[in-house]
Protein backbone atom coordinates (compact mmCIF):
# COMPACT_ATOMS: atom_id res chain seq x y z
CA MET A 1 19.75 -12.37 22.58
CA ARG A 2 17.78 -15.23 21.78
CA LEU A 3 18.10 -16.11 17.46
CA SER A 4 17.92 -19.13 15.65
CA THR A 5 19.75 -19.57 12.22
CA LEU A 6 17.27 -21.18 10.28
CA ALA A 7 19.24 -21.43 6.58
CA ALA A 8 22.49 -20.73 5.15
CA TRP A 9 24.00 -17.19 4.02
CA ILE A 10 24.61 -17.52 0.25
CA PRO A 11 25.21 -13.91 -1.14
CA VAL A 12 23.16 -12.90 -4.12
CA ILE A 13 22.67 -9.19 -5.64
CA MET A 14 19.15 -8.09 -5.15
CA THR A 15 18.45 -4.83 -4.40
CA PRO A 16 15.64 -2.21 -3.64
CA LEU A 17 14.40 -0.64 -6.78
CA LEU A 18 14.82 3.53 -6.92
CA LEU A 19 12.24 4.17 -9.69
CA VAL A 20 11.91 7.61 -8.94
CA PRO A 21 14.82 9.80 -9.72
CA PRO A 22 16.39 12.05 -7.82
CA ALA A 23 15.46 15.79 -8.16
CA SER A 24 18.65 17.49 -10.17
CA GLY A 25 20.89 19.67 -8.96
CA GLY A 26 21.23 17.57 -5.97
CA GLU A 27 18.36 18.24 -4.27
CA ALA A 28 16.97 15.50 -2.25
CA GLU A 29 13.18 14.28 -2.12
CA TRP A 30 10.82 12.06 -0.50
CA PRO A 31 8.66 10.91 -3.33
CA ALA A 32 6.99 8.14 -1.17
CA TRP A 33 5.62 7.31 1.77
CA ARG A 34 8.83 5.61 3.32
CA GLY A 35 11.34 7.95 0.86
CA GLN A 36 13.25 7.05 -2.54
CA ALA A 37 13.89 3.60 -1.76
CA SER A 38 11.10 2.85 1.22
CA ALA A 39 14.03 2.58 3.52
CA GLY A 40 12.65 5.53 5.27
CA SER A 41 16.56 7.25 5.31
CA LEU A 42 18.54 10.04 3.30
CA PRO A 43 22.05 8.69 3.97
CA GLU A 44 23.73 12.35 2.91
CA GLY A 45 22.84 15.31 3.87
CA ARG A 46 22.58 17.99 6.79
CA PHE A 47 19.71 18.03 8.98
CA PRO A 48 18.53 19.74 12.38
CA ASP A 49 20.17 18.22 15.19
CA ARG A 50 19.80 20.02 18.74
CA TRP A 51 17.03 22.00 17.43
CA GLY A 52 14.27 23.52 19.27
CA THR A 53 10.81 24.97 18.48
CA ASN A 54 12.60 28.44 18.06
CA ASP A 55 14.05 26.40 14.93
CA ILE A 56 10.31 25.46 13.31
CA ALA A 57 10.99 27.60 10.03
CA TRP A 58 6.88 27.73 9.85
CA SER A 59 3.94 25.85 10.37
CA LEU A 60 0.94 25.48 8.50
CA PRO A 61 -2.40 25.11 9.65
CA LEU A 62 -4.17 22.30 8.02
CA PRO A 63 -7.95 21.65 7.50
CA GLY A 64 -8.42 18.27 9.19
CA LYS A 65 -6.32 15.79 10.77
CA GLY A 66 -4.73 13.04 8.94
CA GLY A 67 -2.39 9.73 9.55
CA SER A 68 -0.20 10.57 5.65
CA THR A 69 2.84 11.29 5.75
CA PRO A 70 3.99 14.65 3.63
CA ILE A 71 6.00 13.79 0.62
CA VAL A 72 8.62 16.15 -1.26
CA SER A 73 8.82 16.78 -5.26
CA GLY A 74 9.98 19.54 -6.97
CA GLY A 75 10.60 21.88 -4.42
CA ARG A 76 7.22 21.29 -3.43
CA ILE A 77 5.42 19.31 -0.31
CA TYR A 78 2.08 17.59 -1.23
CA LEU A 79 -0.05 16.33 1.49
CA THR A 80 -4.13 14.24 1.96
CA SER A 81 -5.89 15.96 3.88
CA PRO A 82 -10.17 16.15 4.89
CA LEU A 83 -11.50 19.45 3.79
CA GLU A 84 -14.72 20.76 4.68
CA GLY A 85 -15.75 16.58 4.66
CA GLN A 86 -14.24 16.02 1.44
CA ASP A 87 -10.78 14.41 0.51
CA ALA A 88 -8.36 16.74 -0.75
CA LEU A 89 -4.69 16.98 -1.61
CA LEU A 90 -2.59 19.93 -0.43
CA ALA A 91 0.22 21.54 -2.21
CA VAL A 92 3.07 23.64 -0.14
CA ASP A 93 6.07 25.49 -1.42
CA ARG A 94 9.16 25.71 0.27
CA ALA A 95 8.27 28.85 2.63
CA GLY A 96 4.89 26.95 3.94
CA HIS A 97 2.37 28.95 1.56
CA GLN A 98 -0.45 26.74 0.35
CA LEU A 99 -0.42 26.78 -3.34
CA TRP A 100 -3.68 24.96 -3.98
CA ALA A 101 -6.21 22.13 -2.00
CA THR A 102 -8.01 20.02 -4.78
CA ARG A 103 -11.38 18.26 -3.20
CA LEU A 104 -11.71 14.64 -4.57
CA GLY A 105 -15.06 13.63 -2.82
CA GLY A 106 -16.59 12.87 0.27
CA GLU A 107 -14.14 11.36 3.47
CA SER A 108 -14.96 8.40 4.93
CA THR A 109 -15.40 8.85 8.99
CA ALA A 110 -12.59 7.03 10.46
CA LYS A 111 -13.80 3.99 12.97
CA HIS A 112 -10.22 4.69 15.57
CA ARG A 113 -11.01 8.03 17.02
CA ASN A 114 -7.50 9.45 17.93
CA LEU A 115 -4.96 7.00 15.63
CA GLY A 116 -7.37 6.79 12.62
CA SER A 117 -8.62 9.45 9.93
CA SER A 118 -9.95 9.48 6.61
CA CYS A 119 -6.17 9.61 4.77
CA ASN A 120 -4.12 7.67 6.29
CA ALA A 121 -2.41 6.23 3.23
CA SER A 122 0.74 8.83 1.88
CA PRO A 123 0.34 10.20 -1.46
CA VAL A 124 3.52 9.37 -3.88
CA THR A 125 4.50 11.02 -6.76
CA ASP A 126 7.05 10.60 -9.56
CA GLY A 127 7.30 14.11 -10.53
CA LYS A 128 4.77 14.41 -13.11
CA THR A 129 1.63 13.38 -11.25
CA ILE A 130 0.51 13.02 -7.59
CA TYR A 131 -1.66 9.61 -7.08
CA THR A 132 -3.70 9.33 -3.63
CA TYR A 133 -6.27 6.83 -2.21
CA PHE A 134 -8.43 7.29 0.53
CA ARG A 135 -10.36 5.80 3.34
CA SER A 136 -13.09 5.94 1.22
CA GLY A 137 -11.77 3.79 -1.66
CA ARG A 138 -11.21 6.85 -4.22
CA LEU A 139 -7.91 6.05 -5.78
CA THR A 140 -6.91 9.76 -7.85
CA ALA A 141 -4.39 11.19 -9.52
CA VAL A 142 -3.78 14.78 -9.62
CA ALA A 143 -1.48 16.78 -11.78
CA LEU A 144 1.43 19.43 -10.36
CA ASP A 145 -1.19 22.58 -11.33
CA GLY A 146 -4.02 20.46 -8.78
CA THR A 147 -5.97 19.44 -11.93
CA ILE A 148 -7.98 15.89 -11.63
CA ARG A 149 -6.44 13.90 -14.45
CA TRP A 150 -8.71 10.41 -13.06
CA GLN A 151 -10.46 8.78 -10.31
CA GLU A 152 -11.42 5.16 -10.04
CA ASP A 153 -13.55 4.15 -7.38
CA ILE A 154 -11.94 0.78 -6.04
CA ALA A 155 -14.59 0.26 -3.12
CA GLY A 156 -17.51 0.79 -5.59
CA ARG A 157 -15.77 -1.55 -8.06
CA PHE A 158 -14.42 -4.25 -5.80
CA GLY A 159 -16.50 -3.66 -2.46
CA PRO A 160 -15.70 -2.30 0.76
CA GLU A 161 -12.43 -3.17 2.22
CA ASN A 162 -13.20 -5.33 5.34
CA LEU A 163 -10.50 -4.01 7.81
CA PHE A 164 -10.92 -4.00 11.81
CA TRP A 165 -9.39 -0.27 11.78
CA ASP A 166 -8.71 1.69 9.39
CA GLN A 167 -6.94 1.31 6.13
CA GLY A 168 -3.18 2.23 6.04
CA SER A 169 -1.58 0.93 2.74
CA SER A 170 -0.28 3.36 0.56
CA PRO A 171 -0.37 3.28 -2.86
CA VAL A 172 3.40 2.67 -4.99
CA LEU A 173 4.47 3.42 -8.40
CA THR A 174 6.15 1.31 -11.18
CA SER A 175 7.48 3.03 -14.18
CA ARG A 176 4.23 2.22 -15.51
CA ASP A 177 1.70 1.45 -12.88
CA VAL A 178 -0.07 2.32 -9.93
CA ILE A 179 0.34 -0.38 -7.50
CA LEU A 180 -2.49 -1.13 -5.00
CA THR A 181 -2.79 -3.68 -2.03
CA ARG A 182 -6.36 -4.77 -0.71
CA LEU A 183 -5.31 -7.32 2.43
CA HIS A 184 -8.19 -7.95 4.39
CA HIS A 185 -11.03 -10.05 5.64
CA GLY A 186 -12.50 -10.74 2.30
CA GLU A 187 -11.39 -11.51 -1.29
CA SER A 188 -7.68 -10.17 -1.02
CA TRP A 189 -5.20 -9.22 -4.13
CA ILE A 190 -2.54 -6.92 -5.07
CA ALA A 191 -3.67 -4.75 -8.50
CA ALA A 192 -2.02 -2.59 -11.17
CA PHE A 193 -3.66 0.81 -12.11
CA ASP A 194 -1.92 2.41 -15.51
CA LYS A 195 -1.06 5.81 -14.47
CA GLY A 196 -1.95 7.93 -17.42
CA SER A 197 -5.44 6.25 -17.17
CA GLY A 198 -6.81 4.33 -14.20
CA LYS A 199 -7.23 1.19 -16.04
CA LEU A 200 -6.96 -1.60 -14.21
CA ARG A 201 -3.81 -3.81 -15.70
CA TRP A 202 -3.79 -6.82 -13.80
CA GLN A 203 -4.63 -8.14 -10.56
CA GLN A 204 -3.89 -10.99 -8.54
CA LYS A 205 -5.22 -12.94 -5.67
CA ARG A 206 -3.89 -13.27 -2.57
CA ASN A 207 -5.64 -15.04 -0.13
CA TYR A 208 -4.26 -17.04 3.01
CA GLU A 209 -5.76 -18.69 5.91
CA ALA A 210 -4.94 -16.94 9.00
CA PRO A 211 -6.08 -16.93 12.35
CA SER A 212 -8.39 -13.83 13.58
CA GLU A 213 -7.47 -10.32 12.55
CA ASN A 214 -4.05 -11.87 10.72
CA ASP A 215 -6.01 -11.45 7.62
CA ASN A 216 -5.52 -7.51 8.04
CA ALA A 217 -3.07 -5.82 6.69
CA TYR A 218 -1.87 -2.42 6.90
CA THR A 219 1.11 -2.79 4.98
CA THR A 220 2.79 -0.75 1.90
CA PRO A 221 4.16 -3.13 -0.83
CA LEU A 222 8.01 -2.95 -1.86
CA LEU A 223 9.22 -2.59 -4.68
CA PHE A 224 12.75 -4.43 -5.15
CA GLU A 225 14.23 -6.20 -8.37
CA HIS A 226 14.16 -10.15 -8.84
CA GLY A 227 16.17 -11.61 -11.91
CA GLY A 228 16.63 -8.32 -13.27
CA LYS A 229 13.14 -7.25 -13.50
CA PRO A 230 11.34 -5.11 -11.53
CA ALA A 231 9.46 -6.77 -8.31
CA LEU A 232 6.51 -6.36 -5.30
CA LEU A 233 7.01 -7.62 -1.87
CA VAL A 234 4.40 -7.68 -0.02
CA TRP A 235 3.54 -8.39 3.63
CA GLY A 236 0.20 -9.55 5.76
CA ALA A 237 -2.10 -12.61 6.39
CA ASP A 238 1.25 -14.05 7.65
CA HIS A 239 3.15 -14.32 4.78
CA LEU A 240 5.71 -12.82 2.83
CA THR A 241 4.93 -12.68 -1.14
CA ALA A 242 6.92 -11.74 -4.27
CA HIS A 243 5.10 -11.08 -7.45
CA ALA A 244 6.28 -10.02 -10.85
CA ALA A 245 5.82 -6.06 -11.73
CA GLU A 246 4.65 -6.90 -15.03
CA ASP A 247 1.89 -8.83 -14.38
CA GLY A 248 1.69 -9.97 -10.61
CA HIS A 249 2.20 -13.23 -10.49
CA LEU A 250 3.52 -14.93 -7.83
CA LEU A 251 6.94 -15.37 -7.66
CA TRP A 252 7.78 -17.12 -4.40
CA SER A 253 6.29 -16.95 -1.40
CA CYS A 254 7.57 -17.56 2.49
CA GLY A 255 5.50 -18.55 5.68
CA GLY A 256 6.48 -20.16 8.84
CA PHE A 257 6.05 -16.74 10.50
CA ASN A 258 3.18 -17.57 13.21
CA PRO A 259 3.80 -21.14 13.82
CA GLU A 260 1.41 -21.26 16.78
CA GLY A 261 -1.22 -19.67 15.13
CA THR A 262 -1.65 -16.56 17.68
CA ALA A 263 -4.50 -14.17 16.48
CA HIS A 264 -5.16 -10.52 16.36
CA TRP A 265 -1.63 -10.35 15.02
CA PRO A 266 -2.58 -7.44 12.38
CA ALA A 267 0.38 -6.49 9.73
CA ILE A 268 0.85 -2.71 10.36
CA SER A 269 4.73 -2.56 10.59
CA CYS A 270 6.55 -2.72 7.30
CA PRO A 271 9.38 -4.68 6.26
CA VAL A 272 12.30 -3.34 5.04
CA ILE A 273 14.97 -4.50 2.47
CA GLN A 274 18.85 -4.28 3.10
CA GLY A 275 20.92 -6.18 0.28
CA ASN A 276 19.55 -9.30 -0.68
CA MET A 277 17.52 -9.40 2.93
CA VAL A 278 14.21 -8.46 4.15
CA VAL A 279 13.74 -8.19 7.48
CA VAL A 280 10.36 -8.91 8.37
CA PRO A 281 8.52 -7.32 11.90
CA VAL A 282 5.79 -10.39 13.12
CA GLY A 283 2.98 -9.67 15.66
CA ARG A 284 3.07 -7.01 17.71
CA ASP A 285 5.01 -5.70 20.98
CA ASP A 286 2.45 -4.25 22.85
CA HIS A 287 1.81 -6.87 24.46
CA PRO A 288 4.68 -9.13 26.18
CA GLY A 289 5.84 -12.44 23.92
CA GLN A 290 3.67 -11.75 21.15
CA GLY A 291 5.91 -10.96 18.43
CA HIS A 292 9.21 -11.85 16.26
CA LEU A 293 11.67 -10.10 14.24
CA CYS A 294 12.55 -12.62 10.94
CA GLY A 295 15.54 -12.53 8.18
CA VAL A 296 14.59 -13.84 5.02
CA ARG A 297 16.96 -13.84 1.96
CA LEU A 298 15.27 -12.49 -1.44
CA GLY A 299 15.18 -15.04 -4.64
CA GLY A 300 14.22 -18.32 -5.08
CA SER A 301 10.48 -19.71 -6.51
CA GLY A 302 7.61 -20.82 -5.23
CA ASP A 303 7.61 -21.81 -2.00
CA VAL A 304 10.99 -21.00 0.24
CA THR A 305 10.08 -21.32 3.51
CA ALA A 306 12.11 -23.71 4.47
CA THR A 307 15.29 -22.53 2.30
CA HIS A 308 15.23 -18.78 2.55
CA SER A 309 13.87 -18.36 6.52
CA VAL A 310 17.75 -17.48 7.49
CA TRP A 311 17.35 -16.39 11.07
CA ARG A 312 14.33 -15.32 13.74
CA ARG A 313 14.54 -13.61 17.02
CA ASP A 314 11.52 -14.33 19.84
CA ASP A 315 12.86 -11.74 21.88
CA ILE A 316 11.95 -8.15 20.26
CA ALA A 317 9.38 -7.22 17.92
CA VAL A 318 7.51 -4.45 16.41
CA PHE A 319 3.80 -3.69 16.45
CA VAL A 320 2.86 -0.39 14.51
CA PRO A 321 6.39 1.75 13.14
CA ALA A 322 7.85 0.50 9.95
CA LEU A 323 11.71 -0.58 10.19
CA ALA A 324 14.39 1.94 8.78
CA GLU A 325 17.73 1.08 6.60
CA ASP A 326 20.63 3.38 6.79
CA ARG A 327 24.39 2.36 5.30
CA GLY A 328 23.48 -1.61 5.75
CA ARG A 329 21.88 -1.53 9.01
CA VAL A 330 18.29 -2.06 10.31
CA TYR A 331 16.58 0.00 12.99
CA LEU A 332 13.42 -0.55 15.07
CA LEU A 333 11.25 2.36 17.01
CA ARG A 334 9.34 -0.05 19.45
CA HIS A 335 6.50 0.96 21.03
CA ARG A 336 7.11 2.20 23.79
CA GLY A 337 10.43 4.01 22.99
CA GLU A 338 13.09 1.44 22.45
CA VAL A 339 15.27 2.16 19.73
CA VAL A 340 17.51 -1.20 18.47
CA CYS A 341 20.06 -1.20 15.57
CA VAL A 342 20.08 -4.77 13.87
CA ASP A 343 22.56 -6.45 11.71
CA PRO A 344 20.13 -7.56 9.01
CA ALA A 345 22.40 -10.43 7.84
CA SER A 346 22.21 -12.07 11.15
CA GLY A 347 19.78 -10.53 13.24
CA ARG A 348 22.35 -9.90 15.79
CA THR A 349 21.50 -6.88 17.95
CA LEU A 350 24.25 -4.30 17.36
CA TRP A 351 23.47 -2.06 20.28
CA ALA A 352 19.94 -1.07 21.94
CA GLU A 353 18.98 1.97 23.96
CA ALA A 354 15.35 3.74 24.76
CA LEU A 355 14.22 7.21 24.49
CA PRO A 356 12.68 9.13 27.59
CA ARG A 357 9.77 7.90 28.61
CA GLY A 358 6.58 8.98 28.53
CA THR A 359 2.84 7.90 28.86
CA ALA A 360 2.05 7.99 25.02
CA SER A 361 3.24 4.94 22.62
CA TYR A 362 4.80 5.47 19.02
CA TYR A 363 2.88 5.34 16.41
CA ALA A 364 4.66 6.95 13.72
CA SER A 365 7.64 5.02 11.90
CA PRO A 366 11.25 6.91 12.16
CA ALA A 367 12.96 8.64 9.78
CA ILE A 368 16.55 9.05 9.61
CA GLY A 369 18.40 11.50 7.78
CA GLY A 370 22.21 11.90 7.63
CA GLY A 371 22.87 9.54 10.50
CA LEU A 372 20.11 11.16 12.84
CA LEU A 373 17.14 9.76 13.80
CA TYR A 374 13.78 11.39 14.30
CA ALA A 375 11.15 9.66 16.39
CA ALA A 376 7.46 11.18 16.92
CA ARG A 377 5.75 10.28 20.03
CA GLU A 378 1.73 10.13 20.08
CA ASP A 379 1.56 13.16 22.45
CA GLY A 380 3.81 15.22 19.93
CA VAL A 381 7.04 14.69 21.35
CA VAL A 382 9.99 14.72 18.75
CA PHE A 383 13.16 12.90 19.52
CA THR A 384 16.44 13.46 17.41
CA ALA A 385 19.53 11.39 18.19
CA ARG A 386 22.25 10.30 16.28
CA VAL A 387 22.69 6.55 15.49
CA ARG A 388 25.12 5.25 13.48
CA GLU A 389 28.27 3.98 15.43
CA LYS A 390 26.27 4.53 19.08
CA PHE A 391 22.83 6.09 20.13
CA GLU A 392 23.42 9.93 21.12
CA LEU A 393 20.60 11.75 22.44
CA LEU A 394 20.41 15.45 20.84
CA SER A 395 16.84 16.73 21.44
CA GLU A 396 13.64 16.94 22.77
CA VAL A 397 11.17 19.00 21.48
CA ALA A 398 7.42 19.14 22.47
CA LEU A 399 4.89 19.99 19.65
CA GLY A 400 2.02 20.89 21.60
CA GLU A 401 -0.51 18.35 19.38
CA ARG A 402 -0.91 14.77 18.77
CA VAL A 403 1.86 13.25 15.49
CA VAL A 404 0.81 9.91 14.27
CA ALA A 405 1.83 10.73 10.70
CA SER A 406 5.62 9.56 10.03
CA PRO A 407 8.31 12.41 9.40
CA ALA A 408 9.34 13.30 5.86
CA LEU A 409 12.85 14.39 5.06
CA ALA A 410 14.08 16.51 1.98
CA THR A 411 17.48 19.00 1.74
CA ASN A 412 17.88 20.64 4.52
CA ARG A 413 14.47 19.79 5.97
CA LEU A 414 12.07 18.17 7.95
CA LEU A 415 8.39 18.01 7.95
CA ILE A 416 6.39 16.97 10.67
CA ARG A 417 2.38 16.73 10.32
CA GLY A 418 0.43 17.02 13.78
CA ASP A 419 -3.31 16.67 13.84
CA ARG A 420 -3.60 20.38 13.78
CA HIS A 421 -0.45 22.27 11.63
CA LEU A 422 2.45 20.61 9.21
CA PHE A 423 5.53 21.95 10.83
CA CYS A 424 9.01 22.79 9.35
CA ILE A 425 12.46 23.04 10.74
CA ASP A 426 15.01 23.64 7.44
CA MET A 427 18.40 24.35 8.42
CA ALA A 428 19.25 25.67 4.88
CA HIS A 429 21.19 28.74 6.19
CA GLY A 430 23.53 26.78 8.65
CA GLY A 431 20.89 26.18 11.63
CA THR A 432 20.26 29.84 12.21
CA GLN A 433 16.77 30.28 14.24
CA ARG A 434 13.95 32.02 12.18
CA PRO A 435 10.74 32.85 12.88
CA GLN A 436 7.24 31.37 12.74
CA ASN A 437 5.34 32.63 10.07
């Protein structure tokens, strides 16, 4: 392991925000792309371990291909999808029955034939309204009964998004606003839209000089607390920035992630926060020697590059799957199936193992539930492994269709979106096998 410590460790209490409360009765939910705290995990609960295709409770045919992750709230599943040439939001009950489908307007065709879609961004909910964003540039608020509350034409207002590939950043919620980022080859920004009306509350420019394609970012902002107030963490254009949730003003910025000026490093994999540290994936691991993993201490003001960059590793990187955090440890799912458990304070590898190799790679982000890690390979093979103290592979299941969307978890359930179906593995009855619908 090659690891360099760049700054002293100074304990500061700085935690990710949980702005969507858990459901009543102990029901664990997944209200956004990376779950309740943007960590990609549910620390407690019972989830499928040694499962197979006979344990699939139901599989729902989908009207179109999408890269968005299903979300779970109030006993329902919400999912964006193309539907007869339009952007759409679907509502599904716990038994796998479609409750409604709301058409939202014409879809925008993806650039990438295999990995792209018109709905790569995942929906998000506060339990009262579902908010969606699409490649078309359409930001929409939908009521729980499927009624459209408001729509904003972001592309019409701010112009087209100039990305090499397809839009991928998902909206996030504060108590008041819907937050969007646009980090592309052009005027880049972070903005807040009123949850009730869609009105633009604030917009802050975020422009940095960067090598070719590095100004393209597909990452989703992270919510955290800075000085006792809500803040937003944004990764892209070789910079990590923190913004006040109240008005978007810049709290601090950190650079130095790409001192060699290497080009074609779009920000795709999302960082993760653990305590007062954020672990940042830099570059890519689909080419050798083309990336880093860095640890940055939250806090400070102005340019904190020299004071808050704690460690950097040059021997490990992640390209597409977002990082996950569970019980104080950070997990990486690499392009060809290596799983690495890292101590976020020091960057030290605690263990590293590899999932069985295939010809396909990993584009879906891992999800961790009750100490079980779920990793979906592009060819539709889903692996389950126990990961807390050590790695133990438990199951390998072929779903028979491409999977690029990240898995989602809820109480006793694992949800996986394929190109053609939404699959549910439900262990509510002690793991007894149930027939598919």
